[in-house]
Amino acid sequence: MDMPIVEVSGRVHALIEDLLPVVFPGATFDVPTARVIFPVGRYARGVSTWVALERCAREPSERWPRLVEDWIREAGDLVVLSIADIELLGDVRELLRLRIVPKLSDADREPLMAVSAGPFFDGVIVIDHPEYGGPLTKARANLLGLRRLGYVVTRTHEEVADVDVRDQPLTLRESVRVVSKPGSRYVPVLLTEIARFVPEAGPEGALFSVPTHSTMLLHPLTSTARDALPAFADVTEEMHASSSDPCAPTTFRWRRGEPMERLRS
């Protein structure tokens, strides 16, 4: 049976203080903040003991020394990795971007710094670096002290402000509007600005898709233009299948003030 955290904290913190010199020499326990300070080179990072307390609260006290030892090693290893990030990447905050991806499962989304971007997409904060980048996990963000990340959305929109917009043939009578930035990984963030790219769209709305992370496709709908859907969906699926950085093979319908509608997957 789990014990209340307050009942285990004193003994667990005493164990941490006893084991630190053996498991991670040089690390210290800061009593007022209940954090272990891990020094790595010229840097140092503090890690809350909350995880260690939770683990011990679920187990009998005879297991606590091993649990605490394992936690110190894990926390120390993560700090070393976070310091390596700083050494390799510099100011990580300057590298953060929002990448739109098809809706993730709860299990896939849980460890990531991610937000919902409607019923069919999620926005995942990523570190934009060719070698050491990737999705930003909650654990990595905590170790790097990354908080208040709302600015990442604005920065990503600024990065794709110079997209190219052009119309090209879709069928003998219809065209498709292509919004693209070659080499970009963030064009789908513009799905919140569809109205800007199809100002002529009426009540019928527009077809749209994001087959790759560098391209968004749009087609304003009218009562006489519904036959464009098969060709539009085919182009979307072909672009998605042939891309080295695919986003979604799905065709959607957009209307002002209405929920996004999936038309063809």
Protein backbone atom coordinates (compact mmCIF):
# COMPACT_ATOMS: atom_id res chain seq x y z
CA MET A 1 0.00 0.00 0.00
CA ASP A 2 1.33 3.44 -0.91
CA MET A 3 2.50 5.63 1.94
CA PRO A 4 1.94 9.41 1.97
CA ILE A 5 4.93 11.26 0.51
CA VAL A 6 5.27 13.37 3.64
CA GLU A 7 5.81 10.24 5.72
CA VAL A 8 8.70 8.93 3.61
CA SER A 9 10.42 12.19 2.71
CA GLY A 10 12.60 12.49 5.81
CA ARG A 11 14.05 8.99 5.61
CA VAL A 12 14.41 9.03 1.82
CA HIS A 13 16.20 12.38 1.87
CA ALA A 14 18.54 11.03 4.54
CA LEU A 15 19.31 8.06 2.27
CA ILE A 16 19.99 10.41 -0.62
CA GLU A 17 22.47 12.40 1.45
CA ASP A 18 24.20 9.19 2.57
CA LEU A 19 24.45 7.69 -0.93
CA LEU A 20 25.38 10.77 -2.98
CA PRO A 21 29.13 10.67 -2.13
CA VAL A 22 29.26 7.04 -3.26
CA VAL A 23 26.99 7.08 -6.31
CA PHE A 24 27.72 10.57 -7.69
CA PRO A 25 30.70 12.20 -5.92
CA GLY A 26 30.46 15.97 -5.88
CA ALA A 27 26.66 16.08 -5.97
CA THR A 28 24.94 17.77 -3.03
CA PHE A 29 21.45 17.78 -1.54
CA ASP A 30 19.83 21.20 -1.20
CA VAL A 31 17.49 20.84 1.77
CA PRO A 32 15.30 23.98 1.30
CA THR A 33 14.35 23.05 -2.28
CA ALA A 34 14.54 19.26 -1.90
CA ARG A 35 16.74 19.08 -4.99
CA VAL A 36 19.96 17.26 -5.73
CA ILE A 37 22.56 19.48 -7.40
CA PHE A 38 24.63 17.55 -9.95
CA PRO A 39 27.86 19.28 -11.09
CA VAL A 40 29.10 18.44 -14.58
CA GLY A 41 32.18 20.35 -15.72
CA ARG A 42 31.50 24.08 -15.45
CA TYR A 43 27.74 23.54 -15.26
CA ALA A 44 25.38 22.28 -12.57
CA ARG A 45 21.75 21.20 -12.64
CA GLY A 46 19.27 20.67 -9.82
CA VAL A 47 16.83 17.75 -9.92
CA SER A 48 13.76 17.44 -7.69
CA THR A 49 13.64 14.35 -5.46
CA TRP A 50 9.91 13.89 -6.11
CA VAL A 51 10.36 10.84 -8.35
CA ALA A 52 12.52 9.12 -5.72
CA LEU A 53 9.90 9.88 -3.07
CA GLU A 54 7.10 8.48 -5.22
CA ARG A 55 9.01 5.27 -5.92
CA CYS A 56 9.84 4.69 -2.27
CA ALA A 57 6.28 5.46 -1.15
CA ARG A 58 5.07 2.52 -3.23
CA GLU A 59 7.59 0.00 -1.87
CA PRO A 60 8.56 -1.46 1.53
CA SER A 61 11.35 0.40 3.31
CA GLU A 62 13.88 -2.42 2.90
CA ARG A 63 13.91 -1.67 -0.83
CA TRP A 64 14.50 2.05 -0.45
CA PRO A 65 18.32 2.04 -0.53
CA ARG A 66 18.35 0.31 -3.93
CA LEU A 67 15.57 2.52 -5.27
CA VAL A 68 17.39 5.66 -4.15
CA GLU A 69 20.68 4.47 -5.61
CA ASP A 70 19.02 3.72 -8.96
CA TRP A 71 17.30 7.11 -8.96
CA ILE A 72 20.56 8.97 -8.28
CA ARG A 73 22.24 7.18 -11.20
CA GLU A 74 19.30 7.87 -13.55
CA ALA A 75 19.02 11.53 -12.55
CA GLY A 76 22.78 12.02 -12.84
CA ASP A 77 22.84 10.42 -16.29
CA LEU A 78 20.03 12.70 -17.46
CA VAL A 79 21.87 15.76 -16.16
CA VAL A 80 25.01 14.70 -18.03
CA LEU A 81 22.91 14.42 -21.20
CA SER A 82 21.34 17.83 -20.63
CA ILE A 83 24.75 19.42 -20.12
CA ALA A 84 25.90 17.75 -23.33
CA ASP A 85 22.92 19.39 -25.04
CA ILE A 86 24.08 22.79 -23.83
CA GLU A 87 27.66 22.14 -24.95
CA LEU A 88 26.57 20.91 -28.39
CA LEU A 89 23.62 23.19 -29.09
CA GLY A 90 24.32 26.40 -27.21
CA ASP A 91 21.14 28.34 -26.40
CA VAL A 92 18.53 25.65 -26.99
CA ARG A 93 15.67 28.16 -26.74
CA GLU A 94 16.77 29.66 -30.06
CA LEU A 95 16.38 26.26 -31.74
CA LEU A 96 12.84 25.41 -30.61
CA ARG A 97 10.12 25.15 -33.26
CA LEU A 98 6.55 23.81 -33.44
CA ARG A 99 6.11 20.89 -35.82
CA ILE A 100 2.59 19.85 -36.83
CA VAL A 101 2.06 16.09 -37.02
CA PRO A 102 -0.95 13.78 -37.46
CA LYS A 103 -2.78 13.22 -34.17
CA LEU A 104 -0.66 11.14 -31.78
CA SER A 105 -1.90 8.44 -29.46
CA ASP A 106 -2.11 9.38 -25.79
CA ALA A 107 0.86 7.10 -25.06
CA ASP A 108 3.02 8.72 -27.76
CA ARG A 109 2.03 12.26 -26.76
CA GLU A 110 2.43 11.88 -22.99
CA PRO A 111 6.27 12.16 -22.75
CA LEU A 112 6.50 15.00 -25.28
CA MET A 113 6.10 18.75 -25.09
CA ALA A 114 3.03 18.72 -27.33
CA VAL A 115 -0.31 20.49 -27.72
CA SER A 116 -3.47 19.66 -29.60
CA ALA A 117 -3.84 21.39 -32.97
CA GLY A 118 -7.44 20.37 -33.56
CA PRO A 119 -9.09 16.96 -33.97
CA PHE A 120 -6.63 15.63 -36.54
CA PHE A 121 -3.25 17.16 -35.67
CA ASP A 122 -0.91 17.79 -32.75
CA GLY A 123 1.83 20.37 -32.40
CA VAL A 124 5.11 18.96 -31.09
CA ILE A 125 7.91 21.24 -29.91
CA VAL A 126 11.16 20.13 -31.50
CA ILE A 127 14.82 21.12 -31.30
CA ASP A 128 15.72 22.19 -34.83
CA HIS A 129 19.24 20.84 -35.28
CA PRO A 130 20.46 18.58 -38.14
CA GLU A 131 22.42 16.22 -35.88
CA TYR A 132 21.23 16.56 -32.31
CA GLY A 133 17.65 17.73 -32.74
CA GLY A 134 14.34 15.93 -32.39
CA PRO A 135 11.13 16.10 -30.35
CA LEU A 136 11.50 17.85 -27.01
CA THR A 137 10.51 15.55 -24.16
CA LYS A 138 9.11 16.82 -20.88
CA ALA A 139 12.09 15.33 -19.05
CA ARG A 140 14.58 17.06 -21.35
CA ALA A 141 12.71 20.37 -21.08
CA ASN A 142 12.76 20.14 -17.29
CA LEU A 143 16.48 19.42 -17.15
CA LEU A 144 17.24 22.26 -19.56
CA GLY A 145 15.05 24.64 -17.60
CA LEU A 146 12.78 25.30 -20.60
CA ARG A 147 9.53 26.92 -19.48
CA ARG A 148 6.97 29.36 -20.86
CA LEU A 149 7.36 28.15 -24.42
CA GLY A 150 4.47 30.03 -26.01
CA TYR A 151 6.95 32.10 -28.02
CA VAL A 152 7.82 28.98 -30.04
CA VAL A 153 4.53 29.25 -31.98
CA THR A 154 5.26 32.84 -33.00
CA ARG A 155 8.83 32.03 -33.95
CA THR A 156 7.72 29.11 -36.14
CA HIS A 157 5.16 31.28 -37.93
CA GLU A 158 7.87 33.87 -38.55
CA GLU A 159 10.07 31.19 -40.09
CA VAL A 160 7.44 30.31 -42.70
CA ALA A 161 6.27 33.88 -43.34
CA ASP A 162 8.08 33.84 -46.69
CA VAL A 163 6.31 30.83 -48.20
CA ASP A 164 5.78 30.77 -51.95
CA VAL A 165 2.12 30.78 -53.07
CA ARG A 166 1.22 29.74 -56.61
CA ASP A 167 -1.59 28.09 -58.57
CA GLN A 168 -0.92 25.14 -60.83
CA PRO A 169 -3.20 22.89 -62.92
CA LEU A 170 -5.10 20.14 -61.11
CA THR A 171 -7.61 19.06 -63.77
CA LEU A 172 -8.51 20.48 -67.18
CA ARG A 173 -10.76 23.04 -65.47
CA GLU A 174 -9.46 23.33 -61.92
CA SER A 175 -6.22 24.41 -60.29
CA VAL A 176 -4.60 23.75 -56.93
CA ARG A 177 -3.04 26.44 -54.77
CA VAL A 178 0.41 25.38 -53.55
CA VAL A 179 1.81 27.00 -50.40
CA SER A 180 5.38 25.85 -50.01
CA LYS A 181 8.84 26.53 -48.69
CA PRO A 182 11.39 24.02 -50.01
CA GLY A 183 13.43 22.46 -47.24
CA SER A 184 11.17 23.71 -44.45
CA ARG A 185 9.82 21.31 -41.83
CA TYR A 186 7.14 23.64 -40.52
CA VAL A 187 4.75 24.79 -43.29
CA PRO A 188 1.77 22.87 -41.78
CA VAL A 189 1.79 25.35 -38.88
CA LEU A 190 0.00 27.63 -41.35
CA LEU A 191 -3.16 25.53 -41.16
CA THR A 192 -4.39 28.20 -38.71
CA GLU A 193 -4.07 30.78 -41.51
CA ILE A 194 -5.91 29.03 -44.34
CA ALA A 195 -8.30 31.97 -44.79
CA ARG A 196 -5.33 34.15 -45.75
CA PHE A 197 -4.42 31.87 -48.63
CA VAL A 198 -7.94 31.35 -50.03
CA PRO A 199 -9.63 34.75 -49.56
CA GLU A 200 -12.06 33.93 -52.37
CA ALA A 201 -13.45 30.86 -50.57
CA GLY A 202 -17.17 31.14 -49.90
CA PRO A 203 -19.57 29.17 -47.70
CA GLU A 204 -18.46 25.91 -49.33
CA GLY A 205 -14.98 26.43 -47.94
CA ALA A 206 -11.90 24.80 -49.42
CA LEU A 207 -10.12 21.51 -49.76
CA PHE A 208 -6.79 21.42 -48.01
CA SER A 209 -4.01 19.01 -47.18
CA VAL A 210 -0.47 18.99 -45.83
CA PRO A 211 1.12 16.05 -47.66
CA THR A 212 4.64 17.09 -46.65
CA HIS A 213 6.14 19.34 -44.02
CA SER A 214 7.20 21.80 -46.71
CA THR A 215 3.90 22.04 -48.60
CA MET A 216 0.22 22.83 -48.06
CA LEU A 217 -2.32 22.33 -50.85
CA LEU A 218 -5.58 24.30 -51.13
CA HIS A 219 -8.54 24.42 -53.49
CA PRO A 220 -11.51 26.79 -52.98
CA LEU A 221 -14.81 24.93 -53.33
CA THR A 222 -17.84 26.07 -55.30
CA SER A 223 -21.02 24.28 -56.27
CA THR A 224 -19.41 23.45 -59.62
CA ALA A 225 -15.97 22.48 -58.34
CA ARG A 226 -16.72 19.40 -56.24
CA ASP A 227 -15.35 17.11 -58.96
CA ALA A 228 -11.88 18.35 -57.95
CA LEU A 229 -11.85 16.16 -54.83
CA PRO A 230 -10.60 12.90 -56.43
CA ALA A 231 -7.76 14.65 -58.28
CA PHE A 232 -6.85 16.74 -55.22
CA ALA A 233 -6.78 13.67 -52.97
CA ASP A 234 -4.72 11.71 -55.49
CA VAL A 235 -2.10 14.47 -55.68
CA THR A 236 -2.00 14.67 -51.89
CA GLU A 237 -1.45 10.93 -51.50
CA GLU A 238 1.19 10.83 -54.24
CA MET A 239 3.15 13.71 -52.70
CA HIS A 240 2.95 12.11 -49.27
CA ALA A 241 4.14 8.73 -50.55
CA SER A 242 7.12 10.16 -52.44
CA SER A 243 8.31 12.65 -49.80
CA SER A 244 11.34 12.19 -47.57
CA ASP A 245 9.54 14.29 -44.94
CA PRO A 246 5.84 13.32 -45.21
CA CYS A 247 3.15 14.84 -43.01
CA ALA A 248 -0.38 13.52 -43.71
CA PRO A 249 -1.95 11.75 -46.73
CA THR A 250 -5.42 12.99 -45.79
CA THR A 251 -7.64 15.49 -47.61
CA PHE A 252 -9.73 17.80 -45.42
CA ARG A 253 -12.45 20.38 -45.89
CA TRP A 254 -12.02 23.80 -44.29
CA ARG A 255 -14.83 26.32 -43.70
CA ARG A 256 -14.67 29.57 -41.78
CA GLY A 257 -15.78 29.09 -38.21
CA GLU A 258 -16.49 25.37 -38.67
CA PRO A 259 -14.64 22.28 -37.43
CA MET A 260 -12.20 20.70 -39.85
CA GLU A 261 -13.75 17.80 -41.79
CA ARG A 262 -11.88 14.72 -42.98
CA LEU A 263 -12.89 13.84 -46.56
CA ARG A 264 -10.43 11.16 -47.66
CA SER A 265 -7.57 9.36 -45.93
